């Protein structure tokens, strides 16, 4: 049977559980299309901060 060699301190125990309390990622709404996307990322339609920055298949 396995026996721990050293006791884990409350601080280290809290660090081990830190990922349990992560919040949902921050999202933003594109002002021109109204799409929801991750903040500081280009929206699926290719817009960033109200301007078209990436050419998509629907543009052709």
PDB file of N, CA and C in Angstrom:
ATOM      1  N   UNK A   1       0.836  -1.193   0.000  1.00  0.00           N
ATOM      2  CA  UNK A   1       0.000   0.000   0.000  1.00  0.00           C
ATOM      3  C   UNK A   1       0.875   1.249   0.000  1.00  0.00           C
ATOM      4  N   UNK A   2       0.498   2.259  -0.783  1.00  0.00           N
ATOM      5  CA  UNK A   2       1.281   3.480  -0.885  1.00  0.00           C
ATOM      6  C   UNK A   2       1.052   4.372   0.326  1.00  0.00           C
ATOM      7  N   UNK A   3       2.150   4.936   0.828  1.00  0.00           N
ATOM      8  CA  UNK A   3       2.093   5.851   1.958  1.00  0.00           C
ATOM      9  C   UNK A   3       2.843   7.117   1.563  1.00  0.00           C
ATOM     10  N   UNK A   4       2.218   8.276   1.813  1.00  0.00           N
ATOM     11  CA  UNK A   4       2.868   9.524   1.448  1.00  0.00           C
ATOM     12  C   UNK A   4       4.112   9.752   2.290  1.00  0.00           C
ATOM     13  N   UNK A   5       5.129  10.352   1.672  1.00  0.00           N
ATOM     14  CA  UNK A   5       6.376  10.587   2.376  1.00  0.00           C
ATOM     15  C   UNK A   5       6.320  11.886   3.175  1.00  0.00           C
ATOM     16  N   UNK A   6       5.690  12.919   2.608  1.00  0.00           N
ATOM     17  CA  UNK A   6       5.582  14.218   3.289  1.00  0.00           C
ATOM     18  C   UNK A   6       4.133  14.692   3.216  1.00  0.00           C
ATOM     19  N   UNK A   7       3.733  15.448   4.252  1.00  0.00           N
ATOM     20  CA  UNK A   7       2.389  16.008   4.279  1.00  0.00           C
ATOM     21  C   UNK A   7       2.302  17.180   3.307  1.00  0.00           C
ATOM     22  N   UNK A   8       1.215  17.251   2.543  1.00  0.00           N
ATOM     23  CA  UNK A   8       0.995  18.371   1.614  1.00  0.00           C
ATOM     24  C   UNK A   8       0.396  19.531   2.404  1.00  0.00           C
ATOM     25  N   UNK A   9       1.037  20.702   2.323  1.00  0.00           N
ATOM     26  CA  UNK A   9       0.595  21.864   3.089  1.00  0.00           C
ATOM     27  C   UNK A   9      -0.735  22.383   2.536  1.00  0.00           C
ATOM     28  N   UNK A  10      -1.495  23.139   3.342  1.00  0.00           N
ATOM     29  CA  UNK A  10      -2.761  23.700   2.857  1.00  0.00           C
ATOM     30  C   UNK A  10      -2.593  24.565   1.610  1.00  0.00           C
ATOM     31  N   UNK A  11      -1.454  25.284   1.519  1.00  0.00           N
ATOM     32  CA  UNK A  11      -1.206  26.121   0.351  1.00  0.00           C
ATOM     33  C   UNK A  11      -1.074  25.262  -0.906  1.00  0.00           C
ATOM     34  N   UNK A  12      -0.262  24.212  -0.829  1.00  0.00           N
ATOM     35  CA  UNK A  12      -0.072  23.336  -1.989  1.00  0.00           C
ATOM     36  C   UNK A  12      -1.358  22.580  -2.313  1.00  0.00           C
ATOM     37  N   UNK A  13      -2.125  22.222  -1.299  1.00  0.00           N
ATOM     38  CA  UNK A  13      -3.401  21.546  -1.526  1.00  0.00           C
ATOM     39  C   UNK A  13      -4.355  22.468  -2.283  1.00  0.00           C
ATOM     40  N   UNK A  14      -4.349  23.771  -1.946  1.00  0.00           N
ATOM     41  CA  UNK A  14      -5.179  24.738  -2.641  1.00  0.00           C
ATOM     42  C   UNK A  14      -4.752  24.919  -4.083  1.00  0.00           C
ATOM     43  N   UNK A  15      -3.432  24.883  -4.341  1.00  0.00           N
ATOM     44  CA  UNK A  15      -2.926  24.998  -5.708  1.00  0.00           C
ATOM     45  C   UNK A  15      -3.364  23.798  -6.545  1.00  0.00           C
ATOM     46  N   UNK A  16      -3.416  22.644  -5.923  1.00  0.00           N
ATOM     47  CA  UNK A  16      -3.825  21.422  -6.620  1.00  0.00           C
ATOM     48  C   UNK A  16      -5.283  21.526  -7.076  1.00  0.00           C
ATOM     49  N   UNK A  17      -6.095  22.205  -6.295  1.00  0.00           N
ATOM     50  CA  UNK A  17      -7.518  22.314  -6.594  1.00  0.00           C
ATOM     51  C   UNK A  17      -7.873  23.582  -7.363  1.00  0.00           C
ATOM     52  N   UNK A  18      -6.877  24.373  -7.756  1.00  0.00           N
ATOM     53  CA  UNK A  18      -7.130  25.679  -8.350  1.00  0.00           C
ATOM     54  C   UNK A  18      -7.951  25.589  -9.634  1.00  0.00           C
ATOM     55  N   UNK A  19      -7.773  24.543 -10.436  1.00  0.00           N
ATOM     56  CA  UNK A  19      -8.465  24.455 -11.717  1.00  0.00           C
ATOM     57  C   UNK A  19      -9.957  24.183 -11.565  1.00  0.00           C
ATOM     58  N   UNK A  20     -10.403  23.776 -10.388  1.00  0.00           N
ATOM     59  CA  UNK A  20     -11.818  23.479 -10.170  1.00  0.00           C
ATOM     60  C   UNK A  20     -12.676  24.737 -10.197  1.00  0.00           C
ATOM     61  N   UNK A  21     -12.088  25.894  -9.986  1.00  0.00           N
ATOM     62  CA  UNK A  21     -12.865  27.110  -9.827  1.00  0.00           C
ATOM     63  C   UNK A  21     -12.666  28.100 -10.969  1.00  0.00           C
ATOM     64  N   UNK A  22     -12.186  27.634 -12.118  1.00  0.00           N
ATOM     65  CA  UNK A  22     -12.000  28.522 -13.252  1.00  0.00           C
ATOM     66  C   UNK A  22     -13.351  28.975 -13.792  1.00  0.00           C
ATOM     67  N   UNK A  23     -13.417  30.237 -14.160  1.00  0.00           N
ATOM     68  CA  UNK A  23     -14.655  30.790 -14.710  1.00  0.00           C
ATOM     69  C   UNK A  23     -14.713  30.543 -16.214  1.00  0.00           C
ATOM     70  N   UNK A  24     -15.866  30.775 -16.802  1.00  0.00           N
ATOM     71  CA  UNK A  24     -16.027  30.630 -18.245  1.00  0.00           C
ATOM     72  C   UNK A  24     -15.175  31.690 -18.957  1.00  0.00           C
ATOM     73  N   UNK A  25     -14.696  31.403 -20.159  1.00  0.00           N
ATOM     74  CA  UNK A  25     -13.869  32.391 -20.862  1.00  0.00           C
ATOM     75  C   UNK A  25     -14.667  33.653 -21.197  1.00  0.00           C
ATOM     76  N   UNK A  26     -13.986  34.776 -21.180  1.00  0.00           N
ATOM     77  CA  UNK A  26     -14.630  36.057 -21.464  1.00  0.00           C
ATOM     78  C   UNK A  26     -15.014  36.130 -22.935  1.00  0.00           C
ATOM     79  N   UNK A  27     -16.220  36.557 -23.215  1.00  0.00           N
ATOM     80  CA  UNK A  27     -16.685  36.681 -24.593  1.00  0.00           C
ATOM     81  C   UNK A  27     -17.033  38.134 -24.899  1.00  0.00           C
ATOM     82  N   UNK A  28     -17.052  38.437 -26.189  1.00  0.00           N
ATOM     83  CA  UNK A  28     -17.388  39.788 -26.638  1.00  0.00           C
ATOM     84  C   UNK A  28     -18.419  39.679 -27.752  1.00  0.00           C
ATOM     85  N   UNK A  29     -19.143  40.752 -27.989  1.00  0.00           N
ATOM     86  CA  UNK A  29     -20.129  40.796 -29.069  1.00  0.00           C
ATOM     87  C   UNK A  29     -19.595  41.727 -30.149  1.00  0.00           C
ATOM     88  N   UNK A  30     -19.518  41.205 -31.365  1.00  0.00           N
ATOM     89  CA  UNK A  30     -19.034  41.995 -32.500  1.00  0.00           C
ATOM     90  C   UNK A  30     -20.055  43.086 -32.816  1.00  0.00           C
ATOM     91  N   UNK A  31     -19.634  44.361 -32.851  1.00  0.00           N
ATOM     92  CA  UNK A  31     -20.604  45.445 -33.049  1.00  0.00           C
ATOM     93  C   UNK A  31     -21.290  45.439 -34.420  1.00  0.00           C
ATOM     94  N   UNK A  32     -20.618  44.979 -35.463  1.00  0.00           N
ATOM     95  CA  UNK A  32     -21.221  45.027 -36.800  1.00  0.00           C
ATOM     96  C   UNK A  32     -22.149  43.853 -37.072  1.00  0.00           C
ATOM     97  N   UNK A  33     -21.746  42.642 -36.639  1.00  0.00           N
ATOM     98  CA  UNK A  33     -22.539  41.454 -36.962  1.00  0.00           C
ATOM     99  C   UNK A  33     -23.343  40.929 -35.778  1.00  0.00           C
ATOM    100  N   UNK A  34     -22.982  41.337 -34.566  1.00  0.00           N
ATOM    101  CA  UNK A  34     -23.680  40.848 -33.384  1.00  0.00           C
ATOM    102  C   UNK A  34     -23.248  39.459 -32.956  1.00  0.00           C
ATOM    103  N   UNK A  35     -22.172  38.950 -33.547  1.00  0.00           N
ATOM    104  CA  UNK A  35     -21.681  37.616 -33.204  1.00  0.00           C
ATOM    105  C   UNK A  35     -20.966  37.616 -31.862  1.00  0.00           C
ATOM    106  N   UNK A  36     -21.061  36.498 -31.160  1.00  0.00           N
ATOM    107  CA  UNK A  36     -20.346  36.321 -29.901  1.00  0.00           C
ATOM    108  C   UNK A  36     -19.052  35.577 -30.210  1.00  0.00           C
ATOM    109  N   UNK A  37     -17.935  36.094 -29.703  1.00  0.00           N
ATOM    110  CA  UNK A  37     -16.639  35.456 -29.922  1.00  0.00           C
ATOM    111  C   UNK A  37     -15.746  35.701 -28.717  1.00  0.00           C
ATOM    112  N   UNK A  38     -14.615  35.005 -28.650  1.00  0.00           N
ATOM    113  CA  UNK A  38     -13.658  35.225 -27.582  1.00  0.00           C
ATOM    114  C   UNK A  38     -13.065  36.623 -27.699  1.00  0.00           C
ATOM    115  N   UNK A  39     -12.830  37.257 -26.554  1.00  0.00           N
ATOM    116  CA  UNK A  39     -12.244  38.594 -26.568  1.00  0.00           C
ATOM    117  C   UNK A  39     -10.855  38.544 -27.191  1.00  0.00           C
ATOM    118  N   UNK A  40     -10.488  39.573 -27.935  1.00  0.00           N
ATOM    119  CA  UNK A  40      -9.193  39.711 -28.595  1.00  0.00           C
ATOM    120  C   UNK A  40      -8.966  38.650 -29.669  1.00  0.00           C
ATOM    121  N   UNK A  41     -10.036  38.069 -30.195  1.00  0.00           N
ATOM    122  CA  UNK A  41      -9.947  37.112 -31.288  1.00  0.00           C
ATOM    123  C   UNK A  41     -10.857  37.569 -32.426  1.00  0.00           C
ATOM    124  N   UNK A  42     -10.527  37.135 -33.628  1.00  0.00           N
ATOM    125  CA  UNK A  42     -11.340  37.459 -34.794  1.00  0.00           C
ATOM    126  C   UNK A  42     -12.616  36.621 -34.731  1.00  0.00           C
ATOM    127  N   UNK A  43     -13.756  37.210 -35.103  1.00  0.00           N
ATOM    128  CA  UNK A  43     -15.019  36.485 -35.098  1.00  0.00           C
ATOM    129  C   UNK A  43     -15.048  35.493 -36.262  1.00  0.00           C
ATOM    130  N   UNK A  44     -15.927  34.506 -36.236  1.00  0.00           N
ATOM    131  CA  UNK A  44     -16.001  33.518 -37.324  1.00  0.00           C
ATOM    132  C   UNK A  44     -16.251  34.129 -38.702  1.00  0.00           C
ATOM    133  N   UNK A  45     -16.891  35.292 -38.777  1.00  0.00           N
ATOM    134  CA  UNK A  45     -17.129  35.949 -40.060  1.00  0.00           C
ATOM    135  C   UNK A  45     -15.943  36.782 -40.528  1.00  0.00           C
ATOM    136  N   UNK A  46     -14.866  36.847 -39.736  1.00  0.00           N
ATOM    137  CA  UNK A  46     -13.674  37.570 -40.139  1.00  0.00           C
ATOM    138  C   UNK A  46     -13.612  39.009 -39.681  1.00  0.00           C
ATOM    139  N   UNK A  47     -14.463  39.404 -38.731  1.00  0.00           N
ATOM    140  CA  UNK A  47     -14.469  40.786 -38.245  1.00  0.00           C
ATOM    141  C   UNK A  47     -13.690  40.890 -36.934  1.00  0.00           C
ATOM    142  N   UNK A  48     -13.018  42.018 -36.753  1.00  0.00           N
ATOM    143  CA  UNK A  48     -12.343  42.322 -35.499  1.00  0.00           C
ATOM    144  C   UNK A  48     -12.538  43.802 -35.217  1.00  0.00           C
ATOM    145  N   UNK A  49     -13.142  44.109 -34.102  1.00  0.00           N
ATOM    146  CA  UNK A  49     -13.435  45.482 -33.674  1.00  0.00           C
ATOM    147  C   UNK A  49     -14.159  46.283 -34.749  1.00  0.00           C
ATOM    148  N   UNK A  50     -15.122  45.659 -35.396  1.00  0.00           N
ATOM    149  CA  UNK A  50     -15.970  46.351 -36.351  1.00  0.00           C
ATOM    150  C   UNK A  50     -15.435  46.437 -37.762  1.00  0.00           C
ATOM    151  N   UNK A  51     -14.247  45.900 -38.022  1.00  0.00           N
ATOM    152  CA  UNK A  51     -13.664  45.961 -39.365  1.00  0.00           C
ATOM    153  C   UNK A  51     -13.425  44.561 -39.902  1.00  0.00           C
ATOM    154  N   UNK A  52     -13.593  44.392 -41.209  1.00  0.00           N
ATOM    155  CA  UNK A  52     -13.336  43.114 -41.867  1.00  0.00           C
ATOM    156  C   UNK A  52     -11.824  42.949 -42.010  1.00  0.00           C
ATOM    157  N   UNK A  53     -11.256  41.918 -41.361  1.00  0.00           N
ATOM    158  CA  UNK A  53      -9.804  41.743 -41.392  1.00  0.00           C
ATOM    159  C   UNK A  53      -9.376  40.433 -42.049  1.00  0.00           C
ATOM    160  N   UNK A  54     -10.294  39.461 -42.169  1.00  0.00           N
ATOM    161  CA  UNK A  54      -9.966  38.169 -42.761  1.00  0.00           C
ATOM    162  C   UNK A  54     -10.990  37.846 -43.833  1.00  0.00           C
ATOM    163  N   UNK A  55     -10.501  37.415 -44.985  1.00  0.00           N
ATOM    164  CA  UNK A  55     -11.393  37.038 -46.079  1.00  0.00           C
ATOM    165  C   UNK A  55     -11.910  35.617 -45.809  1.00  0.00           C
ATOM    166  N   UNK A  56     -13.231  35.436 -45.823  1.00  0.00           N
ATOM    167  CA  UNK A  56     -13.822  34.132 -45.558  1.00  0.00           C
ATOM    168  C   UNK A  56     -14.414  33.549 -46.845  1.00  0.00           C
ATOM    169  N   UNK A  57     -14.845  32.301 -46.780  1.00  0.00           N
ATOM    170  CA  UNK A  57     -15.406  31.624 -47.944  1.00  0.00           C
ATOM    171  C   UNK A  57     -16.681  32.310 -48.433  1.00  0.00           C
ATOM    172  N   UNK A  58     -17.454  32.876 -47.538  1.00  0.00           N
ATOM    173  CA  UNK A  58     -18.700  33.538 -47.920  1.00  0.00           C
ATOM    174  C   UNK A  58     -18.475  34.832 -48.690  1.00  0.00           C
ATOM    175  N   UNK A  59     -17.257  35.390 -48.627  1.00  0.00           N
ATOM    176  CA  UNK A  59     -16.944  36.637 -49.338  1.00  0.00           C
ATOM    177  C   UNK A  59     -16.676  36.412 -50.825  1.00  0.00           C
ATOM    178  N   UNK A  60     -16.347  35.213 -51.218  1.00  0.00           N
ATOM    179  CA  UNK A  60     -15.968  34.933 -52.612  1.00  0.00           C
ATOM    180  C   UNK A  60     -17.127  34.910 -53.552  1.00  0.00           C
TER     181      UNK A  60
END
